[in-house]
């Protein structure tokens, strides 16, 4: 429990905090975050900028991996691949990440990012993060 509370606080520092990311749910091997979409997150056509989505997918995947290691270690991304399926619109984004390969030194996490409009979730992207 203590480790999860630490990770919840650690997640919202620096650039991710500036973006407005918030922790939604944490369990061993999983991490879920959310973002209230503001005008600053949108690109020229009114959709959420791809960089915001990628940052959310990467950061949340890293913290899913963080739940599986001891306090003495840190996580850094060594590979990142993302697919965008549709533009992100609405008032909220949710990212659900889970560890899909829990190696001793290298972890692989998968992130799914959803936009939420009028209470309805739509999958907008999926990322693989090592």
N, C-alpha and C. Protein backbone atom coordinates (compact mmCIF):
# COMPACT_ATOMS: atom_id res chain seq x y z
N UNK A 1 0.82 -1.20 0.00
CA UNK A 1 0.00 0.00 0.00
C UNK A 1 0.87 1.26 0.00
N UNK A 2 1.93 1.23 0.79
CA UNK A 2 2.82 2.38 0.88
C UNK A 2 3.46 2.69 -0.47
N UNK A 3 3.86 1.65 -1.19
CA UNK A 3 4.49 1.82 -2.51
C UNK A 3 3.51 2.46 -3.50
N UNK A 4 2.27 2.02 -3.49
CA UNK A 4 1.25 2.57 -4.39
C UNK A 4 1.02 4.05 -4.09
N UNK A 5 0.96 4.42 -2.83
CA UNK A 5 0.78 5.83 -2.47
C UNK A 5 1.96 6.66 -2.95
N UNK A 6 3.18 6.13 -2.82
CA UNK A 6 4.36 6.83 -3.32
C UNK A 6 4.26 7.05 -4.83
N UNK A 7 3.88 5.99 -5.57
CA UNK A 7 3.79 6.09 -7.03
C UNK A 7 2.72 7.08 -7.47
N UNK A 8 1.62 7.15 -6.76
CA UNK A 8 0.56 8.11 -7.09
C UNK A 8 1.09 9.54 -6.99
N UNK A 9 1.89 9.82 -5.98
CA UNK A 9 2.46 11.16 -5.81
C UNK A 9 3.59 11.41 -6.81
N UNK A 10 4.41 10.40 -7.03
CA UNK A 10 5.55 10.53 -7.92
C UNK A 10 5.11 10.78 -9.37
N UNK A 11 3.98 10.20 -9.76
CA UNK A 11 3.47 10.30 -11.13
C UNK A 11 3.21 11.75 -11.54
N UNK A 12 2.73 12.56 -10.62
CA UNK A 12 2.29 13.93 -10.96
C UNK A 12 3.34 14.97 -10.57
N UNK A 13 4.52 14.86 -11.16
CA UNK A 13 5.59 15.82 -10.97
C UNK A 13 6.09 16.30 -12.33
N UNK A 14 6.73 17.45 -12.34
CA UNK A 14 7.39 17.95 -13.54
C UNK A 14 6.46 18.12 -14.73
N UNK A 15 6.94 17.70 -15.90
CA UNK A 15 6.19 17.87 -17.15
C UNK A 15 4.80 17.23 -17.11
N UNK A 16 4.67 15.98 -16.64
CA UNK A 16 3.33 15.37 -16.57
C UNK A 16 2.36 16.18 -15.70
N UNK A 17 2.85 16.73 -14.61
CA UNK A 17 2.00 17.58 -13.76
C UNK A 17 1.58 18.83 -14.52
N UNK A 18 2.53 19.40 -15.27
CA UNK A 18 2.23 20.59 -16.08
C UNK A 18 1.18 20.29 -17.14
N UNK A 19 1.19 19.06 -17.66
CA UNK A 19 0.18 18.64 -18.65
C UNK A 19 -1.20 18.51 -18.01
N UNK A 20 -1.23 18.21 -16.71
CA UNK A 20 -2.51 18.04 -16.02
C UNK A 20 -2.91 16.59 -15.81
N UNK A 21 -1.97 15.66 -15.99
CA UNK A 21 -2.29 14.24 -15.79
C UNK A 21 -2.62 13.98 -14.32
N UNK A 22 -3.58 13.10 -14.09
CA UNK A 22 -3.99 12.71 -12.74
C UNK A 22 -4.02 11.19 -12.65
N UNK A 23 -3.77 10.67 -11.46
CA UNK A 23 -3.83 9.23 -11.24
C UNK A 23 -5.28 8.83 -10.98
N UNK A 24 -5.71 7.79 -11.65
CA UNK A 24 -7.07 7.28 -11.48
C UNK A 24 -7.08 6.00 -10.65
N UNK A 25 -6.22 5.02 -11.01
CA UNK A 25 -6.23 3.71 -10.34
C UNK A 25 -4.86 3.06 -10.49
N UNK A 26 -4.44 2.35 -9.42
CA UNK A 26 -3.14 1.66 -9.44
C UNK A 26 -3.29 0.30 -8.78
N UNK A 27 -2.80 -0.74 -9.45
CA UNK A 27 -2.66 -2.07 -8.86
C UNK A 27 -1.34 -2.63 -9.36
N UNK A 28 -0.92 -3.75 -8.82
CA UNK A 28 0.33 -4.36 -9.26
C UNK A 28 0.25 -4.66 -10.76
N UNK A 29 1.16 -4.09 -11.53
CA UNK A 29 1.22 -4.33 -12.97
C UNK A 29 0.30 -3.48 -13.81
N UNK A 30 -0.49 -2.61 -13.18
CA UNK A 30 -1.39 -1.73 -13.94
C UNK A 30 -1.34 -0.31 -13.40
N UNK A 31 -1.65 0.63 -14.27
CA UNK A 31 -1.72 2.04 -13.87
C UNK A 31 -2.72 2.71 -14.79
N UNK A 32 -3.58 3.53 -14.23
CA UNK A 32 -4.59 4.25 -15.02
C UNK A 32 -4.52 5.73 -14.68
N UNK A 33 -4.52 6.55 -15.73
CA UNK A 33 -4.46 8.00 -15.54
C UNK A 33 -5.58 8.67 -16.32
N UNK A 34 -5.78 9.94 -16.02
CA UNK A 34 -6.81 10.70 -16.72
C UNK A 34 -6.31 12.12 -16.95
N UNK A 35 -6.95 12.77 -17.90
CA UNK A 35 -6.61 14.15 -18.24
C UNK A 35 -7.90 14.88 -18.60
N UNK A 36 -8.16 15.96 -17.89
CA UNK A 36 -9.27 16.84 -18.26
C UNK A 36 -8.77 17.69 -19.42
N UNK A 37 -9.39 17.53 -20.57
CA UNK A 37 -8.91 18.21 -21.78
C UNK A 37 -9.20 19.70 -21.69
N UNK A 38 -8.14 20.49 -21.89
CA UNK A 38 -8.23 21.96 -21.89
C UNK A 38 -7.80 22.47 -23.27
N UNK A 39 -8.09 23.72 -23.57
CA UNK A 39 -7.68 24.28 -24.86
C UNK A 39 -6.18 24.12 -25.15
N UNK A 40 -5.34 24.18 -24.14
CA UNK A 40 -3.90 24.07 -24.33
C UNK A 40 -3.49 22.69 -24.85
N UNK A 41 -4.33 21.68 -24.68
CA UNK A 41 -4.03 20.33 -25.15
C UNK A 41 -4.38 20.11 -26.62
N UNK A 42 -5.08 21.05 -27.21
CA UNK A 42 -5.60 20.87 -28.57
C UNK A 42 -4.63 21.42 -29.62
N UNK A 43 -4.65 20.80 -30.80
CA UNK A 43 -3.86 21.30 -31.92
C UNK A 43 -4.73 22.21 -32.79
N UNK A 44 -4.24 22.59 -33.96
CA UNK A 44 -4.87 23.60 -34.80
C UNK A 44 -6.27 23.23 -35.29
N UNK A 45 -6.61 21.95 -35.35
CA UNK A 45 -7.93 21.53 -35.81
C UNK A 45 -8.90 21.22 -34.67
N UNK A 46 -8.45 21.45 -33.43
CA UNK A 46 -9.32 21.25 -32.28
C UNK A 46 -9.23 19.89 -31.62
N UNK A 47 -8.44 18.98 -32.20
CA UNK A 47 -8.25 17.65 -31.60
C UNK A 47 -7.14 17.72 -30.56
N UNK A 48 -7.12 16.76 -29.64
CA UNK A 48 -6.01 16.67 -28.69
C UNK A 48 -4.73 16.38 -29.49
N UNK A 49 -3.68 17.12 -29.18
CA UNK A 49 -2.40 16.98 -29.89
C UNK A 49 -1.83 15.57 -29.68
N UNK A 50 -1.28 15.00 -30.74
CA UNK A 50 -0.70 13.65 -30.68
C UNK A 50 0.40 13.55 -29.63
N UNK A 51 1.13 14.63 -29.42
CA UNK A 51 2.20 14.63 -28.42
C UNK A 51 1.66 14.48 -27.00
N UNK A 52 0.51 15.04 -26.74
CA UNK A 52 -0.13 14.89 -25.42
C UNK A 52 -0.52 13.43 -25.22
N UNK A 53 -1.11 12.83 -26.25
CA UNK A 53 -1.54 11.43 -26.17
C UNK A 53 -0.32 10.52 -25.97
N UNK A 54 0.74 10.76 -26.74
CA UNK A 54 1.95 9.94 -26.64
C UNK A 54 2.59 10.07 -25.26
N UNK A 55 2.66 11.29 -24.75
CA UNK A 55 3.24 11.51 -23.43
C UNK A 55 2.45 10.76 -22.37
N UNK A 56 1.14 10.85 -22.45
CA UNK A 56 0.28 10.16 -21.49
C UNK A 56 0.48 8.64 -21.57
N UNK A 57 0.53 8.10 -22.79
CA UNK A 57 0.71 6.66 -22.98
C UNK A 57 2.06 6.20 -22.43
N UNK A 58 3.12 6.94 -22.72
CA UNK A 58 4.47 6.60 -22.28
C UNK A 58 4.59 6.67 -20.76
N UNK A 59 4.15 7.78 -20.19
CA UNK A 59 4.31 8.01 -18.75
C UNK A 59 3.49 7.00 -17.94
N UNK A 60 2.27 6.74 -18.37
CA UNK A 60 1.42 5.81 -17.65
C UNK A 60 1.95 4.38 -17.76
N UNK A 61 2.46 4.00 -18.93
CA UNK A 61 3.07 2.67 -19.11
C UNK A 61 4.27 2.49 -18.20
N UNK A 62 5.08 3.54 -18.09
CA UNK A 62 6.24 3.48 -17.20
C UNK A 62 5.84 3.24 -15.76
N UNK A 63 4.77 3.86 -15.34
CA UNK A 63 4.32 3.69 -13.96
C UNK A 63 3.65 2.34 -13.73
N UNK A 64 3.07 1.75 -14.77
CA UNK A 64 2.60 0.36 -14.64
C UNK A 64 3.80 -0.54 -14.34
N UNK A 65 4.91 -0.30 -15.06
CA UNK A 65 6.13 -1.07 -14.83
C UNK A 65 6.70 -0.78 -13.44
N UNK A 66 6.62 0.47 -13.00
CA UNK A 66 7.11 0.85 -11.67
C UNK A 66 6.46 0.03 -10.56
N UNK A 67 5.22 -0.37 -10.76
CA UNK A 67 4.53 -1.12 -9.70
C UNK A 67 5.14 -2.50 -9.48
N UNK A 68 5.98 -2.95 -10.41
CA UNK A 68 6.52 -4.31 -10.34
C UNK A 68 7.96 -4.37 -9.85
N UNK A 69 8.56 -3.22 -9.52
CA UNK A 69 9.97 -3.20 -9.11
C UNK A 69 10.11 -2.67 -7.69
N UNK A 70 11.28 -2.90 -7.10
CA UNK A 70 11.52 -2.41 -5.74
C UNK A 70 11.81 -0.91 -5.76
N UNK A 71 11.75 -0.32 -4.60
CA UNK A 71 11.95 1.13 -4.45
C UNK A 71 13.34 1.59 -4.87
N UNK A 72 14.30 0.69 -4.90
CA UNK A 72 15.69 1.06 -5.19
C UNK A 72 15.98 1.26 -6.67
N UNK A 73 15.00 0.98 -7.51
CA UNK A 73 15.21 1.06 -8.95
C UNK A 73 14.31 2.12 -9.58
N UNK A 74 14.68 2.54 -10.79
CA UNK A 74 13.90 3.51 -11.56
C UNK A 74 13.57 2.89 -12.92
N UNK A 75 12.65 3.51 -13.63
CA UNK A 75 12.22 3.03 -14.94
C UNK A 75 12.53 4.11 -15.98
N UNK A 76 13.10 3.71 -17.11
CA UNK A 76 13.31 4.61 -18.25
C UNK A 76 12.84 3.90 -19.51
N UNK A 77 12.22 4.64 -20.41
CA UNK A 77 11.76 4.07 -21.68
C UNK A 77 12.94 3.86 -22.61
N UNK A 78 13.03 2.65 -23.20
CA UNK A 78 14.08 2.39 -24.19
C UNK A 78 13.50 2.19 -25.59
N UNK A 79 12.19 1.95 -25.68
CA UNK A 79 11.54 1.83 -26.98
C UNK A 79 10.08 2.21 -26.82
N UNK A 80 9.54 2.88 -27.85
CA UNK A 80 8.17 3.37 -27.78
C UNK A 80 7.55 3.32 -29.17
N UNK A 81 6.37 2.72 -29.27
CA UNK A 81 5.65 2.68 -30.54
C UNK A 81 4.18 2.96 -30.26
N UNK A 82 3.60 3.85 -31.05
CA UNK A 82 2.19 4.21 -30.83
C UNK A 82 1.43 4.19 -32.16
N UNK A 83 0.20 3.75 -32.10
CA UNK A 83 -0.72 3.83 -33.23
C UNK A 83 -1.88 4.73 -32.83
N UNK A 84 -2.26 5.61 -33.73
CA UNK A 84 -3.42 6.49 -33.52
C UNK A 84 -4.55 5.97 -34.40
N UNK A 85 -5.71 5.76 -33.81
CA UNK A 85 -6.85 5.20 -34.53
C UNK A 85 -7.86 6.24 -34.98
N UNK A 86 -8.02 7.27 -34.15
CA UNK A 86 -8.97 8.34 -34.49
C UNK A 86 -8.61 9.57 -33.67
N UNK A 87 -9.07 10.75 -34.09
CA UNK A 87 -8.77 11.96 -33.33
C UNK A 87 -9.41 11.91 -31.94
N UNK A 88 -8.71 12.48 -30.97
CA UNK A 88 -9.22 12.54 -29.60
C UNK A 88 -10.03 13.83 -29.43
N UNK A 89 -11.29 13.66 -29.12
CA UNK A 89 -12.19 14.79 -28.86
C UNK A 89 -12.93 14.51 -27.56
N UNK A 90 -13.58 15.52 -27.02
CA UNK A 90 -14.35 15.32 -25.80
C UNK A 90 -13.80 16.15 -24.66
N UNK A 91 -14.19 15.76 -23.46
CA UNK A 91 -13.81 16.53 -22.29
C UNK A 91 -12.76 15.84 -21.42
N UNK A 92 -12.46 14.59 -21.73
CA UNK A 92 -11.57 13.81 -20.86
C UNK A 92 -10.83 12.76 -21.68
N UNK A 93 -9.61 12.43 -21.23
CA UNK A 93 -8.89 11.29 -21.77
C UNK A 93 -8.53 10.36 -20.62
N UNK A 94 -8.58 9.07 -20.88
CA UNK A 94 -8.20 8.05 -19.90
C UNK A 94 -7.15 7.17 -20.54
N UNK A 95 -6.10 6.86 -19.79
CA UNK A 95 -5.07 5.94 -20.26
C UNK A 95 -5.02 4.75 -19.31
N UNK A 96 -5.14 3.57 -19.86
CA UNK A 96 -5.05 2.34 -19.08
C UNK A 96 -3.82 1.56 -19.56
N UNK A 97 -2.89 1.36 -18.65
CA UNK A 97 -1.64 0.67 -18.99
C UNK A 97 -1.48 -0.58 -18.15
N UNK A 98 -0.87 -1.60 -18.77
CA UNK A 98 -0.60 -2.83 -18.03
C UNK A 98 0.71 -3.42 -18.52
N UNK A 99 1.41 -4.07 -17.61
CA UNK A 99 2.65 -4.76 -17.94
C UNK A 99 2.26 -6.06 -18.63
N UNK A 100 2.80 -6.28 -19.83
CA UNK A 100 2.49 -7.52 -20.55
C UNK A 100 3.69 -8.47 -20.61
N UNK A 101 4.89 -7.97 -20.26
CA UNK A 101 6.07 -8.83 -20.12
C UNK A 101 6.87 -8.30 -18.95
N UNK A 102 6.86 -9.05 -17.86
CA UNK A 102 7.48 -8.59 -16.62
C UNK A 102 8.86 -9.22 -16.44
N UNK A 103 9.80 -8.83 -17.32
CA UNK A 103 11.16 -9.35 -17.23
C UNK A 103 11.90 -8.79 -16.03
N UNK A 104 13.01 -9.42 -15.69
CA UNK A 104 13.80 -8.97 -14.53
C UNK A 104 14.39 -7.58 -14.76
N UNK A 105 14.90 -7.32 -15.97
CA UNK A 105 15.51 -6.02 -16.26
C UNK A 105 14.73 -5.22 -17.29
N UNK A 106 14.03 -5.89 -18.18
CA UNK A 106 13.28 -5.18 -19.22
C UNK A 106 11.81 -5.55 -19.11
N UNK A 107 10.99 -4.52 -19.01
CA UNK A 107 9.54 -4.68 -18.89
C UNK A 107 8.89 -4.13 -20.16
N UNK A 108 7.80 -4.73 -20.58
CA UNK A 108 7.03 -4.22 -21.71
C UNK A 108 5.62 -3.94 -21.22
N UNK A 109 5.17 -2.72 -21.45
CA UNK A 109 3.82 -2.32 -21.06
C UNK A 109 3.03 -1.92 -22.29
N UNK A 110 1.74 -2.07 -22.19
CA UNK A 110 0.81 -1.67 -23.25
C UNK A 110 -0.11 -0.59 -22.69
N UNK A 111 -0.28 0.48 -23.45
CA UNK A 111 -1.19 1.55 -23.06
C UNK A 111 -2.31 1.68 -24.07
N UNK A 112 -3.51 1.85 -23.57
CA UNK A 112 -4.66 2.19 -24.40
C UNK A 112 -5.17 3.54 -23.93
N UNK A 113 -5.31 4.47 -24.88
CA UNK A 113 -5.79 5.82 -24.55
C UNK A 113 -7.18 5.99 -25.15
N UNK A 114 -8.09 6.44 -24.31
CA UNK A 114 -9.48 6.64 -24.70
C UNK A 114 -9.85 8.11 -24.56
N UNK A 115 -10.63 8.63 -25.48
CA UNK A 115 -11.24 9.94 -25.27
C UNK A 115 -12.65 9.68 -24.75
N UNK A 116 -13.12 10.59 -23.91
CA UNK A 116 -14.45 10.45 -23.32
C UNK A 116 -15.26 11.68 -23.70
N UNK A 117 -16.38 11.44 -24.34
CA UNK A 117 -17.29 12.51 -24.73
C UNK A 117 -18.70 12.11 -24.31
N UNK A 118 -19.31 12.95 -23.49
CA UNK A 118 -20.67 12.69 -22.99
C UNK A 118 -20.77 11.31 -22.34
N UNK A 119 -19.72 10.94 -21.59
CA UNK A 119 -19.71 9.68 -20.87
C UNK A 119 -19.36 8.46 -21.68
N UNK A 120 -19.13 8.61 -22.98
CA UNK A 120 -18.83 7.47 -23.84
C UNK A 120 -17.34 7.43 -24.18
N UNK A 121 -16.70 6.29 -23.91
CA UNK A 121 -15.27 6.11 -24.20
C UNK A 121 -15.07 5.63 -25.63
N UNK A 122 -14.03 6.19 -26.28
CA UNK A 122 -13.63 5.72 -27.61
C UNK A 122 -12.11 5.53 -27.61
N UNK A 123 -11.67 4.36 -28.06
CA UNK A 123 -10.24 4.08 -28.14
C UNK A 123 -9.63 4.94 -29.24
N UNK A 124 -8.64 5.78 -28.87
CA UNK A 124 -8.01 6.66 -29.86
C UNK A 124 -6.58 6.23 -30.20
N UNK A 125 -5.92 5.52 -29.28
CA UNK A 125 -4.56 5.07 -29.59
C UNK A 125 -4.16 3.90 -28.70
N UNK A 126 -3.11 3.23 -29.18
CA UNK A 126 -2.54 2.11 -28.42
C UNK A 126 -1.03 2.20 -28.57
N UNK A 127 -0.32 2.00 -27.46
CA UNK A 127 1.15 2.10 -27.48
C UNK A 127 1.77 0.88 -26.83
N UNK A 128 2.95 0.52 -27.32
CA UNK A 128 3.79 -0.51 -26.70
C UNK A 128 5.04 0.21 -26.21
N UNK A 129 5.35 0.03 -24.94
CA UNK A 129 6.45 0.77 -24.32
C UNK A 129 7.38 -0.22 -23.61
N UNK A 130 8.66 -0.14 -23.94
CA UNK A 130 9.66 -1.02 -23.32
C UNK A 130 10.58 -0.18 -22.45
